[in-house]
N, C-alpha and C. Protein backbone atom coordinates (compact mmCIF):
# COMPACT_ATOMS: atom_id res chain seq x y z
N MET A 1 -69.48 -47.24 -24.46
CA MET A 1 -69.44 -48.09 -22.74
C MET A 1 -68.59 -46.30 -22.40
N PRO A 2 -69.17 -45.90 -21.14
CA PRO A 2 -68.60 -44.76 -20.67
C PRO A 2 -67.34 -45.02 -20.14
N THR A 3 -66.20 -43.94 -20.36
CA THR A 3 -65.08 -43.98 -19.75
C THR A 3 -65.05 -42.87 -19.00
N PHE A 4 -64.24 -43.44 -17.79
CA PHE A 4 -63.94 -42.52 -16.08
C PHE A 4 -62.67 -42.16 -16.13
N VAL A 5 -62.45 -41.11 -15.69
CA VAL A 5 -60.79 -41.18 -15.08
C VAL A 5 -60.91 -40.84 -13.85
N THR A 6 -59.72 -41.55 -13.04
CA THR A 6 -59.52 -41.28 -11.41
C THR A 6 -58.84 -40.23 -11.42
N LEU A 7 -58.81 -39.39 -10.56
CA LEU A 7 -57.74 -38.06 -10.48
C LEU A 7 -56.92 -38.42 -9.12
N ILE A 8 -55.50 -39.04 -8.84
CA ILE A 8 -55.12 -39.61 -7.76
C ILE A 8 -54.15 -38.36 -7.25
N LYS A 9 -53.78 -38.36 -5.49
CA LYS A 9 -53.09 -37.57 -5.10
C LYS A 9 -52.49 -38.72 -4.31
N PHE A 10 -51.53 -38.55 -4.04
CA PHE A 10 -50.42 -39.38 -3.10
C PHE A 10 -50.87 -38.06 -1.66
N THR A 11 -50.70 -38.86 -0.43
CA THR A 11 -50.40 -38.36 0.65
C THR A 11 -49.05 -38.54 0.98
N GLN A 12 -47.93 -37.76 1.65
CA GLN A 12 -46.50 -37.89 2.25
C GLN A 12 -46.36 -39.04 2.31
N THR A 13 -46.94 -40.40 3.08
CA THR A 13 -46.72 -41.86 3.20
C THR A 13 -46.78 -42.14 1.72
N GLY A 14 -47.85 -42.00 0.95
CA GLY A 14 -47.65 -42.30 -0.35
C GLY A 14 -46.75 -42.65 -1.32
N ILE A 15 -46.34 -40.89 -1.01
CA ILE A 15 -45.37 -40.74 -1.35
C ILE A 15 -43.86 -41.97 -1.36
N GLU A 16 -43.78 -41.97 0.28
CA GLU A 16 -42.64 -42.78 0.49
C GLU A 16 -42.35 -44.03 0.56
N ALA A 17 -43.71 -44.77 0.09
CA ALA A 17 -44.12 -45.82 -0.16
C ALA A 17 -43.97 -45.98 -1.64
N ILE A 18 -43.70 -45.11 -2.47
CA ILE A 18 -43.76 -45.38 -4.40
C ILE A 18 -42.82 -46.13 -4.85
N LYS A 19 -41.66 -47.04 -4.43
CA LYS A 19 -40.91 -47.53 -4.68
C LYS A 19 -42.10 -48.87 -4.86
N ASP A 20 -43.23 -49.49 -4.10
CA ASP A 20 -44.48 -50.13 -3.91
C ASP A 20 -45.30 -49.98 -5.06
N GLY A 21 -45.54 -49.13 -5.73
CA GLY A 21 -46.08 -48.86 -6.88
C GLY A 21 -46.63 -49.57 -7.94
N PRO A 22 -45.36 -50.30 -8.41
CA PRO A 22 -45.49 -51.44 -9.40
C PRO A 22 -46.89 -52.77 -8.85
N THR A 23 -46.41 -53.46 -7.37
CA THR A 23 -47.34 -53.86 -6.82
C THR A 23 -48.67 -53.24 -6.35
N ARG A 24 -48.75 -52.00 -6.33
CA ARG A 24 -50.03 -51.45 -5.87
C ARG A 24 -50.94 -52.12 -7.40
N LEU A 25 -50.16 -50.85 -8.17
CA LEU A 25 -50.94 -51.24 -9.57
C LEU A 25 -51.91 -53.00 -9.82
N ASP A 26 -50.72 -53.42 -9.93
CA ASP A 26 -51.26 -54.94 -9.82
C ASP A 26 -52.47 -54.78 -9.36
N ALA A 27 -52.41 -55.23 -7.96
CA ALA A 27 -53.83 -54.97 -7.18
C ALA A 27 -54.98 -54.31 -7.28
N ALA A 28 -54.70 -52.81 -7.96
CA ALA A 28 -55.47 -52.24 -8.37
C ALA A 28 -56.51 -52.83 -9.40
N LYS A 29 -55.40 -53.42 -10.46
CA LYS A 29 -55.86 -54.29 -11.86
C LYS A 29 -57.00 -55.53 -11.14
N ARG A 30 -56.22 -56.22 -10.36
CA ARG A 30 -57.53 -57.28 -9.53
C ARG A 30 -58.92 -56.65 -9.50
N ALA A 31 -58.11 -55.93 -8.59
CA ALA A 31 -59.40 -55.59 -7.51
C ALA A 31 -60.81 -54.61 -8.76
N TYR A 32 -59.92 -53.83 -9.70
CA TYR A 32 -61.49 -53.27 -11.08
C TYR A 32 -61.82 -54.69 -11.52
N GLU A 33 -60.86 -55.58 -11.86
CA GLU A 33 -61.42 -56.71 -13.08
C GLU A 33 -62.19 -57.41 -11.62
N ALA A 34 -62.19 -57.21 -10.67
CA ALA A 34 -63.26 -58.49 -9.81
C ALA A 34 -64.35 -57.47 -9.69
N VAL A 35 -64.76 -56.52 -10.03
CA VAL A 35 -66.57 -56.13 -10.14
C VAL A 35 -66.61 -55.67 -11.64
N GLY A 36 -65.69 -56.15 -12.61
CA GLY A 36 -66.43 -55.92 -14.03
C GLY A 36 -65.99 -54.90 -14.38
N ALA A 37 -64.62 -54.37 -13.96
CA ALA A 37 -64.34 -53.18 -14.53
C ALA A 37 -62.58 -53.67 -15.17
N LYS A 38 -61.76 -52.93 -16.34
CA LYS A 38 -60.75 -53.21 -16.73
C LYS A 38 -59.71 -51.50 -16.76
N LEU A 39 -59.32 -51.42 -15.64
CA LEU A 39 -57.89 -50.63 -16.14
C LEU A 39 -57.08 -50.46 -17.54
N LYS A 40 -57.62 -49.18 -18.09
CA LYS A 40 -57.40 -49.41 -19.70
C LYS A 40 -56.04 -48.65 -19.33
N GLY A 41 -55.79 -47.63 -18.35
CA GLY A 41 -54.26 -47.04 -18.49
C GLY A 41 -54.17 -46.51 -17.37
N PHE A 42 -52.98 -46.27 -16.85
CA PHE A 42 -52.66 -45.34 -15.64
C PHE A 42 -51.17 -44.48 -15.60
N TYR A 43 -51.50 -43.24 -15.68
CA TYR A 43 -50.31 -42.21 -16.23
C TYR A 43 -49.88 -42.17 -14.29
N LEU A 44 -48.50 -41.62 -14.31
CA LEU A 44 -47.91 -40.65 -13.69
C LEU A 44 -47.73 -39.52 -13.67
N VAL A 45 -48.49 -38.29 -12.86
CA VAL A 45 -48.96 -37.11 -13.67
C VAL A 45 -48.14 -35.26 -13.25
N THR A 46 -47.91 -34.36 -13.67
CA THR A 46 -47.25 -33.56 -13.19
C THR A 46 -48.48 -32.84 -12.85
N GLY A 47 -48.72 -31.78 -11.98
CA GLY A 47 -49.47 -30.83 -11.37
C GLY A 47 -50.01 -31.11 -10.26
N ARG A 48 -51.52 -30.76 -10.09
CA ARG A 48 -52.20 -30.78 -8.74
C ARG A 48 -52.82 -32.40 -8.56
N TYR A 49 -52.45 -33.07 -10.00
CA TYR A 49 -52.60 -34.60 -8.95
C TYR A 49 -51.42 -35.66 -9.59
N ASP A 50 -51.20 -36.62 -8.87
CA ASP A 50 -49.97 -37.49 -8.73
C ASP A 50 -50.12 -38.10 -9.85
N ALA A 51 -51.26 -39.13 -10.43
CA ALA A 51 -51.60 -40.06 -11.12
C ALA A 51 -52.88 -39.73 -11.42
N ILE A 52 -53.39 -40.80 -12.86
CA ILE A 52 -54.82 -40.70 -13.46
C ILE A 52 -54.69 -42.42 -13.77
N ALA A 53 -55.72 -42.50 -13.48
CA ALA A 53 -56.38 -43.89 -14.29
C ALA A 53 -57.76 -43.53 -14.72
N ILE A 54 -57.36 -44.33 -16.28
CA ILE A 54 -58.45 -44.62 -17.56
C ILE A 54 -59.37 -45.73 -17.18
N LEU A 55 -60.77 -45.82 -17.18
CA LEU A 55 -61.10 -47.06 -16.96
C LEU A 55 -62.73 -46.78 -18.07
N PRO A 56 -62.76 -48.03 -18.89
CA PRO A 56 -63.76 -47.87 -20.03
C PRO A 56 -64.98 -48.57 -19.42
N THR A 57 -65.51 -48.21 -18.38
CA THR A 57 -66.72 -49.16 -17.90
C THR A 57 -68.14 -48.19 -17.14
N ASP A 58 -69.32 -48.39 -16.56
CA ASP A 58 -70.32 -48.12 -16.04
C ASP A 58 -69.57 -47.26 -14.94
N ARG A 59 -70.55 -46.05 -13.98
CA ARG A 59 -70.27 -45.26 -13.05
C ARG A 59 -69.82 -46.11 -11.92
N HIS A 60 -70.99 -47.52 -11.70
CA HIS A 60 -71.22 -47.97 -10.41
C HIS A 60 -69.67 -49.23 -10.22
N GLN A 61 -69.34 -49.50 -11.81
CA GLN A 61 -68.08 -50.23 -11.48
C GLN A 61 -66.96 -49.46 -11.37
N ALA A 62 -66.63 -48.52 -11.96
CA ALA A 62 -65.82 -47.19 -11.32
C ALA A 62 -65.66 -46.67 -10.14
N ALA A 63 -66.98 -46.63 -9.64
CA ALA A 63 -66.77 -46.32 -8.29
C ALA A 63 -66.67 -47.13 -7.03
N GLU A 64 -66.94 -48.69 -7.40
CA GLU A 64 -66.68 -50.32 -6.34
C GLU A 64 -65.64 -50.25 -6.54
N GLY A 65 -65.06 -50.25 -7.83
CA GLY A 65 -63.62 -50.46 -7.98
C GLY A 65 -62.56 -49.46 -7.21
N ARG A 66 -62.77 -48.01 -7.06
CA ARG A 66 -61.95 -46.95 -6.78
C ARG A 66 -61.96 -47.01 -5.22
N HIS A 67 -63.20 -47.57 -4.52
CA HIS A 67 -63.13 -47.64 -3.26
C HIS A 67 -62.18 -48.84 -2.92
N GLN A 68 -62.46 -49.84 -3.70
CA GLN A 68 -61.46 -51.20 -3.77
C GLN A 68 -59.96 -50.85 -3.35
N VAL A 69 -59.67 -49.96 -4.27
CA VAL A 69 -58.05 -49.86 -4.25
C VAL A 69 -57.61 -49.01 -3.56
N ARG A 70 -58.62 -48.38 -3.25
CA ARG A 70 -58.10 -47.23 -2.03
C ARG A 70 -56.77 -47.46 -1.29
N ALA A 71 -55.81 -46.92 -1.44
CA ALA A 71 -54.73 -47.75 -0.22
C ALA A 71 -54.36 -46.61 0.35
N PRO A 72 -53.95 -47.53 1.70
CA PRO A 72 -53.09 -46.55 2.74
C PRO A 72 -52.32 -45.69 2.07
N GLY A 73 -52.45 -44.29 2.35
CA GLY A 73 -51.13 -42.74 1.86
C GLY A 73 -51.57 -42.74 0.74
N ARG A 74 -52.90 -42.26 0.30
CA ARG A 74 -53.19 -42.06 -0.80
C ARG A 74 -54.56 -41.13 -0.75
N GLN A 75 -55.32 -40.31 -1.01
CA GLN A 75 -56.32 -39.65 -0.42
C GLN A 75 -57.38 -40.24 -1.21
N ASP A 76 -58.75 -40.13 -0.73
CA ASP A 76 -59.93 -40.39 -1.54
C ASP A 76 -59.75 -39.79 -3.26
N PRO A 77 -59.18 -41.08 -3.96
CA PRO A 77 -59.32 -40.21 -5.34
C PRO A 77 -60.58 -40.11 -6.31
N GLN A 78 -60.74 -38.58 -6.66
CA GLN A 78 -61.94 -37.93 -7.23
C GLN A 78 -61.98 -39.05 -8.46
N LEU A 79 -63.08 -39.38 -9.01
CA LEU A 79 -64.13 -40.23 -10.36
C LEU A 79 -64.83 -38.87 -11.35
N VAL A 80 -63.77 -39.33 -12.21
CA VAL A 80 -64.54 -38.02 -13.23
C VAL A 80 -65.04 -38.78 -14.80
N GLN A 81 -66.00 -38.21 -15.62
CA GLN A 81 -66.21 -38.47 -16.40
C GLN A 81 -66.37 -37.60 -17.97
N PRO A 82 -64.95 -37.95 -18.26
CA PRO A 82 -64.49 -36.67 -19.50
C PRO A 82 -65.79 -36.72 -20.26
N HIS A 83 -65.94 -35.75 -21.77
CA HIS A 83 -67.36 -35.70 -22.31
C HIS A 83 -65.79 -35.37 -23.79
N PRO A 84 -66.54 -35.65 -25.12
CA PRO A 84 -65.67 -34.95 -25.96
C PRO A 84 -65.77 -33.78 -25.97
N ALA A 85 -64.73 -33.17 -26.98
CA ALA A 85 -64.87 -31.79 -26.81
C ALA A 85 -66.25 -31.51 -28.83
N VAL A 86 -66.65 -30.77 -28.80
CA VAL A 86 -67.31 -30.35 -30.06
C VAL A 86 -66.51 -29.60 -30.39
N THR A 87 -66.66 -29.82 -32.37
CA THR A 87 -65.72 -29.05 -33.16
C THR A 87 -66.19 -28.32 -34.23
């Protein structure tokens, strides 16, 4: 099964509501499960993005779940598929 990574940036509204993060994360897990996907990991990160979500699922489920969890205060998340490096 392919894995997808969602790159998330918070807007100022999202930053101000960061205390609601655990509740929003639980809602995101339920939304992904509703479309047949499972949120494998969620990480707050530093740099260009504020958070990433890891989803082992197909592209359709990842995209559908992403649209369902898009919350006020968060820009449209970017969905990417990582590929293993060849060594």
